[in-house]
Amino acid sequence: MTSFSAPRISIIIPCYNLSGYLEPCLNSCILQTYPNIEILMINDGSQDNTKEIIDYYAKLDSRVVPINKNNEGVAKTRKIGIEKATGDYLFFLDGDDYLPLDAIEILLNEIIEQNADIVVGNFYVEQSQGFITENQIDNQCLSGNEFIKIILKNRIFSLCAKLFKKELFTESLNYHYELKRGEDASLLIQLVNNAAKVKGLDKKVYYYRYRCGSVTKETTGKNFFDAIKSRFIIEDYAIEYGISKERDFELGEFICFALILILINSKQLTKNNAHWKKIIKSKIKIYLYDNQEFTFWYKKNFNKNYWRLKFYLIFSLPDKIFSFVFKVVKIFF
């Protein structure tokens, strides 16, 4: 697979103020065991020396392709990379992460051998004690619809650690530029719907690092509710693609978890409190009152969250008060 006629892989790396992280990222790309790659470095108007680092590596290796643009956010930056890509397959890499040196070769071998549209690998995830393994899916073949259910169940949001056939990127895709967080998950579910076959691969193909100030890796803050909005966008796509609110409990669990996140982070609601309160109560009614089978299952498997949502629907009970009450009287539940 290293001959001149071998498939080309486009590695797409959006970059914004990553001068302290880019070198390990780029080193891991140019040293890949599979050589027929292009490395698209899309500089989204960085204000540090990100551009200079990219230009330096472009002189070292002709496969590094610098693309400079005004700052517009990661969704538009990623789309430019997709439009410029000349590869048969696309791989997405965050500029503060890096790859095992055989990652691309492993993924390409699998996607060709399995005649798959998407191959999904596993992560090494950085923790305070070092890197731990995080699995996305088991070593199995799935239809696009089956993988959508796993996306909902396991809350798989990232485009990373996956290899995509370029033909999945149709003109009808919505990149959701309005989102500062969660735009990748909203794109992922559309790509999966375009796929006939998704192959899980029980091998680690990605080192995921935590960087202070990273928009994609923050759990609270000004972009938190964009991440929540993206979950409701995903809900709409899932229903459009044939996932049932009544039969597929993965969807109900996914949305109920999003509602819990809103309640736990209710201090961030500020002026939009009435708006979010209306949404929360509407979703609770849909999933925990109108669907008795799911309600019974959710209460059995997520008892505390069930009561948290039910109490909020009836009493609009703030989460701190609920937690105190639940702790005191949980013996009765």
C-alpha atoms as a PDB file:
ATOM      1  CA  MET A   1       0.000   0.000   0.000  1.00  0.00           C
ATOM      2  CA  THR A   2       2.986   2.300  -0.287  1.00  0.00           C
ATOM      3  CA  SER A   3       3.108   2.316  -4.093  1.00  0.00           C
ATOM      4  CA  PHE A   4       2.547   5.409  -6.204  1.00  0.00           C
ATOM      5  CA  SER A   5      -1.041   4.288  -6.981  1.00  0.00           C
ATOM      6  CA  ALA A   6      -1.934   3.893  -3.314  1.00  0.00           C
ATOM      7  CA  PRO A   7      -4.849   5.956  -1.986  1.00  0.00           C
ATOM      8  CA  ARG A   8      -4.113   9.458  -0.773  1.00  0.00           C
ATOM      9  CA  ILE A   9      -5.068  10.562   2.729  1.00  0.00           C
ATOM     10  CA  SER A  10      -5.811  14.193   3.530  1.00  0.00           C
ATOM     11  CA  ILE A  11      -5.089  15.091   7.159  1.00  0.00           C
ATOM     12  CA  ILE A  12      -7.047  18.249   7.982  1.00  0.00           C
ATOM     13  CA  ILE A  13      -5.763  20.337  10.904  1.00  0.00           C
ATOM     14  CA  PRO A  14      -7.567  23.587  11.869  1.00  0.00           C
ATOM     15  CA  CYS A  15      -5.160  25.857  13.760  1.00  0.00           C
ATOM     16  CA  TYR A  16      -5.726  28.840  16.009  1.00  0.00           C
ATOM     17  CA  ASN A  17      -3.013  30.060  18.404  1.00  0.00           C
ATOM     18  CA  LEU A  18      -1.360  26.648  18.793  1.00  0.00           C
ATOM     19  CA  SER A  19       2.307  27.609  18.801  1.00  0.00           C
ATOM     20  CA  GLY A  20       3.017  25.599  21.948  1.00  0.00           C
ATOM     21  CA  TYR A  21       1.442  22.423  20.582  1.00  0.00           C
ATOM     22  CA  LEU A  22       1.950  22.229  16.831  1.00  0.00           C
ATOM     23  CA  GLU A  23       5.400  20.672  16.720  1.00  0.00           C
ATOM     24  CA  PRO A  24       4.432  17.293  18.273  1.00  0.00           C
ATOM     25  CA  CYS A  25       1.318  17.310  16.108  1.00  0.00           C
ATOM     26  CA  LEU A  26       3.204  17.954  12.870  1.00  0.00           C
ATOM     27  CA  ASN A  27       6.052  15.611  13.756  1.00  0.00           C
ATOM     28  CA  SER A  28       3.557  12.792  14.265  1.00  0.00           C
ATOM     29  CA  CYS A  29       2.095  13.491  10.808  1.00  0.00           C
ATOM     30  CA  ILE A  30       5.246  13.726   8.718  1.00  0.00           C
ATOM     31  CA  LEU A  31       6.654  10.593  10.381  1.00  0.00           C
ATOM     32  CA  GLN A  32       3.611   8.444   9.583  1.00  0.00           C
ATOM     33  CA  THR A  33       4.493   4.990   8.268  1.00  0.00           C
ATOM     34  CA  TYR A  34       2.034   5.538   5.419  1.00  0.00           C
ATOM     35  CA  PRO A  35       3.642   8.172   3.171  1.00  0.00           C
ATOM     36  CA  ASN A  36       0.964   9.109   0.624  1.00  0.00           C
ATOM     37  CA  ILE A  37      -0.604  11.886   2.668  1.00  0.00           C
ATOM     38  CA  GLU A  38      -1.183  15.603   2.481  1.00  0.00           C
ATOM     39  CA  ILE A  39      -1.252  17.660   5.683  1.00  0.00           C
ATOM     40  CA  LEU A  40      -3.591  20.621   5.318  1.00  0.00           C
ATOM     41  CA  MET A  41      -2.735  23.233   7.944  1.00  0.00           C
ATOM     42  CA  ILE A  42      -5.557  25.802   7.977  1.00  0.00           C
ATOM     43  CA  ASN A  43      -4.435  28.798  10.022  1.00  0.00           C
ATOM     44  CA  ASP A  44      -7.574  30.544  11.283  1.00  0.00           C
ATOM     45  CA  GLY A  45      -6.071  34.004  11.789  1.00  0.00           C
ATOM     46  CA  SER A  46      -3.741  33.028  14.643  1.00  0.00           C
ATOM     47  CA  GLN A  47      -2.168  35.873  16.604  1.00  0.00           C
ATOM     48  CA  ASP A  48       0.861  33.951  17.860  1.00  0.00           C
ATOM     49  CA  ASN A  49       3.593  32.342  15.738  1.00  0.00           C
ATOM     50  CA  THR A  50       1.429  29.468  14.507  1.00  0.00           C
ATOM     51  CA  LYS A  51       1.904  30.647  10.902  1.00  0.00           C
ATOM     52  CA  GLU A  52       5.686  30.697  11.230  1.00  0.00           C
ATOM     53  CA  ILE A  53       5.731  27.123  12.575  1.00  0.00           C
ATOM     54  CA  ILE A  54       3.515  25.907   9.740  1.00  0.00           C
ATOM     55  CA  ASP A  55       5.692  27.655   7.146  1.00  0.00           C
ATOM     56  CA  TYR A  56       8.820  26.102   8.652  1.00  0.00           C
ATOM     57  CA  TYR A  57       7.387  22.587   8.386  1.00  0.00           C
ATOM     58  CA  ALA A  58       6.145  23.271   4.840  1.00  0.00           C
ATOM     59  CA  LYS A  59       9.766  23.939   3.853  1.00  0.00           C
ATOM     60  CA  LEU A  60      10.851  20.695   5.518  1.00  0.00           C
ATOM     61  CA  ASP A  61       8.169  18.534   3.913  1.00  0.00           C
ATOM     62  CA  SER A  62       6.258  19.314   0.715  1.00  0.00           C
ATOM     63  CA  ARG A  63       3.264  17.321   1.988  1.00  0.00           C
ATOM     64  CA  VAL A  64       2.556  20.107   4.502  1.00  0.00           C
ATOM     65  CA  VAL A  65       0.153  22.549   2.829  1.00  0.00           C
ATOM     66  CA  PRO A  66      -0.230  25.967   4.546  1.00  0.00           C
ATOM     67  CA  ILE A  67      -3.612  27.680   4.162  1.00  0.00           C
ATOM     68  CA  ASN A  68      -4.067  31.093   5.792  1.00  0.00           C
ATOM     69  CA  LYS A  69      -7.415  32.782   6.406  1.00  0.00           C
ATOM     70  CA  ASN A  70      -9.107  35.370   8.591  1.00  0.00           C
ATOM     71  CA  ASN A  71     -10.458  34.175  11.923  1.00  0.00           C
ATOM     72  CA  GLU A  72     -13.927  32.691  11.365  1.00  0.00           C
ATOM     73  CA  GLY A  73     -14.107  29.754  13.771  1.00  0.00           C
ATOM     74  CA  VAL A  74     -13.396  26.066  13.531  1.00  0.00           C
ATOM     75  CA  ALA A  75     -16.442  25.053  11.453  1.00  0.00           C
ATOM     76  CA  LYS A  76     -15.575  27.321   8.513  1.00  0.00           C
ATOM     77  CA  THR A  77     -11.902  26.496   8.930  1.00  0.00           C
ATOM     78  CA  ARG A  78     -12.596  22.769   8.755  1.00  0.00           C
ATOM     79  CA  LYS A  79     -14.801  23.208   5.684  1.00  0.00           C
ATOM     80  CA  ILE A  80     -12.019  25.008   3.826  1.00  0.00           C
ATOM     81  CA  GLY A  81      -9.770  22.033   4.554  1.00  0.00           C
ATOM     82  CA  ILE A  82     -12.418  19.665   3.203  1.00  0.00           C
ATOM     83  CA  GLU A  83     -12.803  21.750   0.031  1.00  0.00           C
ATOM     84  CA  LYS A  84      -9.033  21.885  -0.527  1.00  0.00           C
ATOM     85  CA  ALA A  85      -8.450  18.191   0.206  1.00  0.00           C
ATOM     86  CA  THR A  86      -7.316  16.077  -2.756  1.00  0.00           C
ATOM     87  CA  GLY A  87      -7.249  12.759  -0.909  1.00  0.00           C
ATOM     88  CA  ASP A  88      -9.478   9.730  -1.364  1.00  0.00           C
ATOM     89  CA  TYR A  89      -9.998   9.668   2.407  1.00  0.00           C
ATOM     90  CA  LEU A  90     -10.126  12.427   5.022  1.00  0.00           C
ATOM     91  CA  PHE A  91      -8.782  12.385   8.570  1.00  0.00           C
ATOM     92  CA  PHE A  92      -9.336  15.172  11.118  1.00  0.00           C
ATOM     93  CA  LEU A  93      -6.712  16.101  13.694  1.00  0.00           C
ATOM     94  CA  ASP A  94      -6.808  18.885  16.292  1.00  0.00           C
ATOM     95  CA  GLY A  95      -3.586  20.859  16.294  1.00  0.00           C
ATOM     96  CA  ASP A  96      -3.010  20.309  20.020  1.00  0.00           C
ATOM     97  CA  ASP A  97      -3.259  16.515  19.659  1.00  0.00           C
ATOM     98  CA  TYR A  98      -1.009  14.027  17.872  1.00  0.00           C
ATOM     99  CA  LEU A  99      -0.952  10.529  16.384  1.00  0.00           C
ATOM    100  CA  PRO A 100       0.748   7.166  16.859  1.00  0.00           C
ATOM    101  CA  LEU A 101       3.135   6.863  13.934  1.00  0.00           C
ATOM    102  CA  ASP A 102       1.216   3.988  12.335  1.00  0.00           C
ATOM    103  CA  ALA A 103      -2.275   5.474  12.820  1.00  0.00           C
ATOM    104  CA  ILE A 104      -3.002   6.334   9.185  1.00  0.00           C
ATOM    105  CA  GLU A 105      -1.690   3.010   7.880  1.00  0.00           C
ATOM    106  CA  ILE A 106      -3.818   1.059  10.391  1.00  0.00           C
ATOM    107  CA  LEU A 107      -6.983   2.961   9.512  1.00  0.00           C
ATOM    108  CA  LEU A 108      -6.421   2.790   5.758  1.00  0.00           C
ATOM    109  CA  ASN A 109      -5.741  -0.961   5.814  1.00  0.00           C
ATOM    110  CA  GLU A 110      -8.992  -1.494   7.697  1.00  0.00           C
ATOM    111  CA  ILE A 111     -11.195   0.741   5.547  1.00  0.00           C
ATOM    112  CA  ILE A 112      -9.955  -0.975   2.373  1.00  0.00           C
ATOM    113  CA  GLU A 113     -10.094  -4.542   3.712  1.00  0.00           C
ATOM    114  CA  GLN A 114     -13.615  -4.037   5.074  1.00  0.00           C
ATOM    115  CA  ASN A 115     -14.831  -1.915   2.140  1.00  0.00           C
ATOM    116  CA  ALA A 116     -16.158   0.516   4.737  1.00  0.00           C
ATOM    117  CA  ASP A 117     -17.138   4.152   4.405  1.00  0.00           C
ATOM    118  CA  ILE A 118     -15.895   5.088   7.881  1.00  0.00           C
ATOM    119  CA  VAL A 119     -13.420   3.411  10.215  1.00  0.00           C
ATOM    120  CA  VAL A 120     -13.580   4.370  13.892  1.00  0.00           C
ATOM    121  CA  GLY A 121     -10.490   3.863  16.060  1.00  0.00           C
ATOM    122  CA  ASN A 122      -9.842   4.428  19.761  1.00  0.00           C
ATOM    123  CA  PHE A 123      -8.147   7.204  21.748  1.00  0.00           C
ATOM    124  CA  TYR A 124      -5.352   7.650  24.203  1.00  0.00           C
ATOM    125  CA  VAL A 125      -6.809  10.355  26.472  1.00  0.00           C
ATOM    126  CA  GLU A 126      -4.547  12.549  28.585  1.00  0.00           C
ATOM    127  CA  GLN A 127      -5.215  12.467  32.335  1.00  0.00           C
ATOM    128  CA  SER A 128      -3.237  13.879  35.255  1.00  0.00           C
ATOM    129  CA  GLN A 129      -1.626  10.467  35.769  1.00  0.00           C
ATOM    130  CA  GLY A 130      -0.830   9.988  32.074  1.00  0.00           C
ATOM    131  CA  PHE A 131      -2.735   8.673  29.075  1.00  0.00           C
ATOM    132  CA  ILE A 132      -5.605   6.223  29.454  1.00  0.00           C
ATOM    133  CA  THR A 133      -7.497   4.338  26.746  1.00  0.00           C
ATOM    134  CA  GLU A 134     -10.955   5.476  25.668  1.00  0.00           C
ATOM    135  CA  ASN A 135     -12.930   3.215  23.343  1.00  0.00           C
ATOM    136  CA  GLN A 136     -15.535   4.545  20.910  1.00  0.00           C
ATOM    137  CA  ILE A 137     -17.041   1.304  19.603  1.00  0.00           C
ATOM    138  CA  ASP A 138     -16.197  -2.385  19.624  1.00  0.00           C
ATOM    139  CA  ASN A 139     -14.455  -4.206  16.794  1.00  0.00           C
ATOM    140  CA  GLN A 140     -17.593  -4.636  14.658  1.00  0.00           C
ATOM    141  CA  CYS A 141     -19.281  -3.720  11.392  1.00  0.00           C
ATOM    142  CA  LEU A 142     -22.355  -1.504  11.570  1.00  0.00           C
ATOM    143  CA  SER A 143     -24.775   0.262   9.297  1.00  0.00           C
ATOM    144  CA  GLY A 144     -24.882   4.036   9.518  1.00  0.00           C
ATOM    145  CA  ASN A 145     -28.165   3.859  11.440  1.00  0.00           C
ATOM    146  CA  GLU A 146     -26.710   1.374  13.943  1.00  0.00           C
ATOM    147  CA  PHE A 147     -23.720   3.636  14.544  1.00  0.00           C
ATOM    148  CA  ILE A 148     -26.002   6.638  15.100  1.00  0.00           C
ATOM    149  CA  LYS A 149     -27.505   4.731  18.028  1.00  0.00           C
ATOM    150  CA  ILE A 150     -24.000   4.181  19.423  1.00  0.00           C
ATOM    151  CA  ILE A 151     -23.215   7.889  18.961  1.00  0.00           C
ATOM    152  CA  LEU A 152     -26.259   8.659  21.102  1.00  0.00           C
ATOM    153  CA  LYS A 153     -25.583   5.933  23.676  1.00  0.00           C
ATOM    154  CA  ASN A 154     -21.863   6.619  24.133  1.00  0.00           C
ATOM    155  CA  ARG A 155     -22.097  10.352  23.340  1.00  0.00           C
ATOM    156  CA  ILE A 156     -19.494  10.200  20.588  1.00  0.00           C
ATOM    157  CA  PHE A 157     -19.056  13.760  19.370  1.00  0.00           C
ATOM    158  CA  SER A 158     -15.598  14.020  17.831  1.00  0.00           C
ATOM    159  CA  LEU A 159     -14.646  13.706  14.163  1.00  0.00           C
ATOM    160  CA  CYS A 160     -11.185  12.641  15.287  1.00  0.00           C
ATOM    161  CA  ALA A 161      -9.789   9.076  15.349  1.00  0.00           C
ATOM    162  CA  LYS A 162     -11.919   8.273  12.310  1.00  0.00           C
ATOM    163  CA  LEU A 163     -11.125   7.853   8.618  1.00  0.00           C
ATOM    164  CA  PHE A 164     -13.834   8.954   6.156  1.00  0.00           C
ATOM    165  CA  LYS A 165     -14.334   8.330   2.470  1.00  0.00           C
ATOM    166  CA  LYS A 166     -14.273  11.732   0.824  1.00  0.00           C
ATOM    167  CA  GLU A 167     -17.457  10.978  -1.124  1.00  0.00           C
ATOM    168  CA  LEU A 168     -19.433  11.185   2.145  1.00  0.00           C
ATOM    169  CA  PHE A 169     -18.899  14.957   2.112  1.00  0.00           C
ATOM    170  CA  THR A 170     -21.827  15.892  -0.076  1.00  0.00           C
ATOM    171  CA  GLU A 171     -22.962  19.419  -0.895  1.00  0.00           C
ATOM    172  CA  SER A 172     -26.046  18.985   1.297  1.00  0.00           C
ATOM    173  CA  LEU A 173     -24.027  18.895   4.546  1.00  0.00           C
ATOM    174  CA  ASN A 174     -24.803  21.623   7.082  1.00  0.00           C
ATOM    175  CA  TYR A 175     -21.668  22.754   8.933  1.00  0.00           C
ATOM    176  CA  HIS A 176     -23.594  24.732  11.567  1.00  0.00           C
ATOM    177  CA  TYR A 177     -21.355  27.786  11.609  1.00  0.00           C
ATOM    178  CA  GLU A 178     -23.524  29.283  14.342  1.00  0.00           C
ATOM    179  CA  LEU A 179     -22.108  26.863  16.919  1.00  0.00           C
ATOM    180  CA  LYS A 180     -18.858  27.592  18.757  1.00  0.00           C
ATOM    181  CA  ARG A 181     -18.965  24.110  20.289  1.00  0.00           C
ATOM    182  CA  GLY A 182     -20.616  20.912  19.119  1.00  0.00           C
ATOM    183  CA  GLU A 183     -20.385  21.681  15.414  1.00  0.00           C
ATOM    184  CA  ASP A 184     -18.235  18.565  14.910  1.00  0.00           C
ATOM    185  CA  ALA A 185     -20.906  16.300  16.418  1.00  0.00           C
ATOM    186  CA  SER A 186     -23.568  17.907  14.237  1.00  0.00           C
ATOM    187  CA  LEU A 187     -21.425  17.185  11.179  1.00  0.00           C
ATOM    188  CA  LEU A 188     -20.512  13.661  12.302  1.00  0.00           C
ATOM    189  CA  ILE A 189     -24.103  12.413  12.470  1.00  0.00           C
ATOM    190  CA  GLN A 190     -24.729  13.678   8.915  1.00  0.00           C
ATOM    191  CA  LEU A 191     -21.640  11.871   7.624  1.00  0.00           C
ATOM    192  CA  VAL A 192     -22.650   8.671   9.391  1.00  0.00           C
ATOM    193  CA  ASN A 193     -26.091   8.868   7.808  1.00  0.00           C
ATOM    194  CA  ASN A 194     -24.376   9.035   4.396  1.00  0.00           C
ATOM    195  CA  ALA A 195     -22.401   5.875   5.194  1.00  0.00           C
ATOM    196  CA  ALA A 196     -23.547   2.371   4.262  1.00  0.00           C
ATOM    197  CA  LYS A 197     -20.914   0.655   6.418  1.00  0.00           C
ATOM    198  CA  VAL A 198     -19.041   1.772   9.535  1.00  0.00           C
ATOM    199  CA  LYS A 199     -16.221  -0.389  10.908  1.00  0.00           C
ATOM    200  CA  GLY A 200     -15.091  -0.234  14.505  1.00  0.00           C
ATOM    201  CA  LEU A 201     -11.412  -0.910  15.143  1.00  0.00           C
ATOM    202  CA  ASP A 202     -10.065  -1.903  18.542  1.00  0.00           C
ATOM    203  CA  LYS A 203      -6.762  -0.062  18.097  1.00  0.00           C
ATOM    204  CA  LYS A 204      -5.560   3.286  19.447  1.00  0.00           C
ATOM    205  CA  VAL A 205      -4.982   5.775  16.648  1.00  0.00           C
ATOM    206  CA  TYR A 206      -5.098   9.152  18.419  1.00  0.00           C
ATOM    207  CA  TYR A 207      -3.529  10.982  21.371  1.00  0.00           C
ATOM    208  CA  TYR A 208      -6.108  13.382  22.797  1.00  0.00           C
ATOM    209  CA  ARG A 209      -4.596  16.143  24.937  1.00  0.00           C
ATOM    210  CA  TYR A 210      -6.225  18.694  27.212  1.00  0.00           C
ATOM    211  CA  ARG A 211      -5.254  22.295  26.590  1.00  0.00           C
ATOM    212  CA  CYS A 212      -6.224  25.196  28.811  1.00  0.00           C
ATOM    213  CA  GLY A 213      -8.399  27.574  26.816  1.00  0.00           C
ATOM    214  CA  SER A 214      -9.421  25.071  24.156  1.00  0.00           C
ATOM    215  CA  VAL A 215     -13.000  25.736  23.011  1.00  0.00           C
ATOM    216  CA  THR A 216     -13.576  22.121  22.036  1.00  0.00           C
ATOM    217  CA  LYS A 217     -12.452  20.782  25.398  1.00  0.00           C
ATOM    218  CA  GLU A 218     -14.131  23.149  27.844  1.00  0.00           C
ATOM    219  CA  THR A 219     -16.914  21.684  29.987  1.00  0.00           C
ATOM    220  CA  THR A 220     -18.395  25.008  31.132  1.00  0.00           C
ATOM    221  CA  GLY A 221     -18.072  28.651  30.100  1.00  0.00           C
ATOM    222  CA  LYS A 222     -19.488  30.967  27.458  1.00  0.00           C
ATOM    223  CA  ASN A 223     -19.732  28.280  24.773  1.00  0.00           C
ATOM    224  CA  PHE A 224     -21.284  25.647  27.030  1.00  0.00           C
ATOM    225  CA  PHE A 225     -24.814  26.140  25.766  1.00  0.00           C
ATOM    226  CA  ASP A 226     -23.712  25.854  22.143  1.00  0.00           C
ATOM    227  CA  ALA A 227     -22.728  22.304  23.058  1.00  0.00           C
ATOM    228  CA  ILE A 228     -26.217  21.786  24.476  1.00  0.00           C
ATOM    229  CA  LYS A 229     -27.823  23.294  21.367  1.00  0.00           C
ATOM    230  CA  SER A 230     -25.806  20.859  19.254  1.00  0.00           C
ATOM    231  CA  ARG A 231     -27.390  17.959  21.156  1.00  0.00           C
ATOM    232  CA  PHE A 232     -30.839  19.153  20.178  1.00  0.00           C
ATOM    233  CA  ILE A 233     -29.646  19.523  16.572  1.00  0.00           C
ATOM    234  CA  ILE A 234     -28.404  15.939  16.765  1.00  0.00           C
ATOM    235  CA  GLU A 235     -31.794  14.903  18.133  1.00  0.00           C
ATOM    236  CA  ASP A 236     -33.487  16.448  15.090  1.00  0.00           C
ATOM    237  CA  TYR A 237     -31.097  14.697  12.703  1.00  0.00           C
ATOM    238  CA  ALA A 238     -31.501  11.353  14.484  1.00  0.00           C
ATOM    239  CA  ILE A 239     -35.293  11.523  14.174  1.00  0.00           C
ATOM    240  CA  GLU A 240     -34.985  12.554  10.519  1.00  0.00           C
ATOM    241  CA  TYR A 241     -32.699   9.547   9.926  1.00  0.00           C
ATOM    242  CA  GLY A 242     -35.156   7.061  11.396  1.00  0.00           C
ATOM    243  CA  ILE A 243     -34.311   6.913  15.104  1.00  0.00           C
ATOM    244  CA  SER A 244     -37.542   6.565  17.090  1.00  0.00           C
ATOM    245  CA  LYS A 245     -38.359   8.591  20.211  1.00  0.00           C
ATOM    246  CA  GLU A 246     -40.642   5.754  21.293  1.00  0.00           C
ATOM    247  CA  ARG A 247     -38.546   2.648  20.553  1.00  0.00           C
ATOM    248  CA  ASP A 248     -34.902   3.727  20.620  1.00  0.00           C
ATOM    249  CA  PHE A 249     -34.079   4.449  24.250  1.00  0.00           C
ATOM    250  CA  GLU A 250     -30.623   5.709  23.241  1.00  0.00           C
ATOM    251  CA  LEU A 251     -32.230   8.935  22.022  1.00  0.00           C
ATOM    252  CA  GLY A 252     -34.215   9.504  25.222  1.00  0.00           C
ATOM    253  CA  GLU A 253     -31.168   8.841  27.390  1.00  0.00           C
ATOM    254  CA  PHE A 254     -29.091  11.204  25.222  1.00  0.00           C
ATOM    255  CA  ILE A 255     -31.577  14.076  25.571  1.00  0.00           C
ATOM    256  CA  CYS A 256     -32.246  13.493  29.267  1.00  0.00           C
ATOM    257  CA  PHE A 257     -28.503  13.682  29.920  1.00  0.00           C
ATOM    258  CA  ALA A 258     -28.396  17.007  28.062  1.00  0.00           C
ATOM    259  CA  LEU A 259     -31.217  18.287  30.282  1.00  0.00           C
ATOM    260  CA  ILE A 260     -29.304  17.206  33.384  1.00  0.00           C
ATOM    261  CA  LEU A 261     -26.273  19.143  32.166  1.00  0.00           C
ATOM    262  CA  ILE A 262     -28.408  22.273  31.809  1.00  0.00           C
ATOM    263  CA  LEU A 263     -29.798  21.907  35.327  1.00  0.00           C
ATOM    264  CA  ILE A 264     -26.376  21.288  36.861  1.00  0.00           C
ATOM    265  CA  ASN A 265     -25.005  24.369  35.080  1.00  0.00           C
ATOM    266  CA  SER A 266     -28.117  26.489  35.633  1.00  0.00           C
ATOM    267  CA  LYS A 267     -26.078  29.481  36.875  1.00  0.00           C
ATOM    268  CA  GLN A 268     -24.980  29.985  33.288  1.00  0.00           C
ATOM    269  CA  LEU A 269     -28.557  30.410  32.057  1.00  0.00           C
ATOM    270  CA  THR A 270     -28.626  34.124  33.045  1.00  0.00           C
ATOM    271  CA  LYS A 271     -30.981  36.105  30.784  1.00  0.00           C
ATOM    272  CA  ASN A 272     -32.031  33.018  28.820  1.00  0.00           C
ATOM    273  CA  ASN A 273     -33.445  31.273  31.883  1.00  0.00           C
ATOM    274  CA  ALA A 274     -37.084  31.409  30.694  1.00  0.00           C
ATOM    275  CA  HIS A 275     -36.096  30.106  27.250  1.00  0.00           C
ATOM    276  CA  TRP A 276     -34.189  27.127  28.641  1.00  0.00           C
ATOM    277  CA  LYS A 277     -36.832  26.420  31.279  1.00  0.00           C
ATOM    278  CA  LYS A 278     -39.436  26.065  28.546  1.00  0.00           C
ATOM    279  CA  ILE A 279     -37.194  23.743  26.518  1.00  0.00           C
ATOM    280  CA  ILE A 280     -36.340  21.566  29.534  1.00  0.00           C
ATOM    281  CA  LYS A 281     -39.948  21.101  30.561  1.00  0.00           C
ATOM    282  CA  SER A 282     -41.047  20.369  27.001  1.00  0.00           C
ATOM    283  CA  LYS A 283     -38.350  17.694  26.553  1.00  0.00           C
ATOM    284  CA  ILE A 284     -39.069  16.121  29.944  1.00  0.00           C
ATOM    285  CA  LYS A 285     -42.715  15.770  29.005  1.00  0.00           C
ATOM    286  CA  ILE A 286     -41.902  14.215  25.626  1.00  0.00           C
ATOM    287  CA  TYR A 287     -39.481  11.621  26.968  1.00  0.00           C
ATOM    288  CA  LEU A 288     -40.554  10.975  30.570  1.00  0.00           C
ATOM    289  CA  TYR A 289     -44.336  11.358  30.394  1.00  0.00           C
ATOM    290  CA  ASP A 290     -45.459  10.633  26.851  1.00  0.00           C
ATOM    291  CA  ASN A 291     -43.298   7.491  26.594  1.00  0.00           C
ATOM    292  CA  GLN A 292     -44.171   5.142  29.442  1.00  0.00           C
ATOM    293  CA  GLU A 293     -41.811   2.330  28.408  1.00  0.00           C
ATOM    294  CA  PHE A 294     -38.828   4.649  28.313  1.00  0.00           C
ATOM    295  CA  THR A 295     -39.930   6.297  31.573  1.00  0.00           C
ATOM    296  CA  PHE A 296     -39.943   2.935  33.342  1.00  0.00           C
ATOM    297  CA  TRP A 297     -36.512   2.023  31.907  1.00  0.00           C
ATOM    298  CA  TYR A 298     -34.977   5.407  32.706  1.00  0.00           C
ATOM    299  CA  LYS A 299     -36.276   5.400  36.281  1.00  0.00           C
ATOM    300  CA  LYS A 300     -34.823   1.932  36.796  1.00  0.00           C
ATOM    301  CA  ASN A 301     -31.390   2.744  35.330  1.00  0.00           C
ATOM    302  CA  PHE A 302     -30.981   6.436  36.205  1.00  0.00           C
ATOM    303  CA  ASN A 303     -33.075   6.832  39.342  1.00  0.00           C
ATOM    304  CA  LYS A 304     -31.586  10.056  40.665  1.00  0.00           C
ATOM    305  CA  ASN A 305     -31.688  11.777  37.287  1.00  0.00           C
ATOM    306  CA  TYR A 306     -35.271  10.623  36.784  1.00  0.00           C
ATOM    307  CA  TRP A 307     -36.363  12.297  40.014  1.00  0.00           C
ATOM    308  CA  ARG A 308     -34.231  15.359  39.296  1.00  0.00           C
ATOM    309  CA  LEU A 309     -36.072  15.888  35.999  1.00  0.00           C
ATOM    310  CA  LYS A 310     -39.496  15.027  37.398  1.00  0.00           C
ATOM    311  CA  PHE A 311     -39.113  17.435  40.308  1.00  0.00           C
ATOM    312  CA  TYR A 312     -37.972  20.157  37.942  1.00  0.00           C
ATOM    313  CA  LEU A 313     -41.032  19.638  35.740  1.00  0.00           C
ATOM    314  CA  ILE A 314     -43.408  19.880  38.688  1.00  0.00           C
ATOM    315  CA  PHE A 315     -41.667  22.338  41.011  1.00  0.00           C
ATOM    316  CA  SER A 316     -38.922  23.993  38.898  1.00  0.00           C
ATOM    317  CA  LEU A 317     -36.645  22.839  41.697  1.00  0.00           C
ATOM    318  CA  PRO A 318     -33.063  24.216  41.484  1.00  0.00           C
ATOM    319  CA  ASP A 319     -30.484  21.469  41.268  1.00  0.00           C
ATOM    320  CA  LYS A 320     -28.726  22.317  44.547  1.00  0.00           C
ATOM    321  CA  ILE A 321     -31.985  22.124  46.464  1.00  0.00           C
ATOM    322  CA  PHE A 322     -32.939  18.893  44.715  1.00  0.00           C
ATOM    323  CA  SER A 323     -29.582  17.298  45.551  1.00  0.00           C
ATOM    324  CA  PHE A 324     -29.994  18.181  49.211  1.00  0.00           C
ATOM    325  CA  VAL A 325     -33.573  16.862  49.327  1.00  0.00           C
ATOM    326  CA  PHE A 326     -32.646  13.688  47.453  1.00  0.00           C
ATOM    327  CA  LYS A 327     -29.775  12.988  49.818  1.00  0.00           C
ATOM    328  CA  VAL A 328     -32.020  13.395  52.849  1.00  0.00           C
ATOM    329  CA  VAL A 329     -34.995  11.334  51.668  1.00  0.00           C
ATOM    330  CA  LYS A 330     -33.456   8.967  49.088  1.00  0.00           C
ATOM    331  CA  ILE A 331     -34.324   6.004  51.251  1.00  0.00           C
ATOM    332  CA  PHE A 332     -37.942   6.503  50.161  1.00  0.00           C
ATOM    333  CA  PHE A 333     -37.089   6.333  46.491  1.00  0.00           C
END
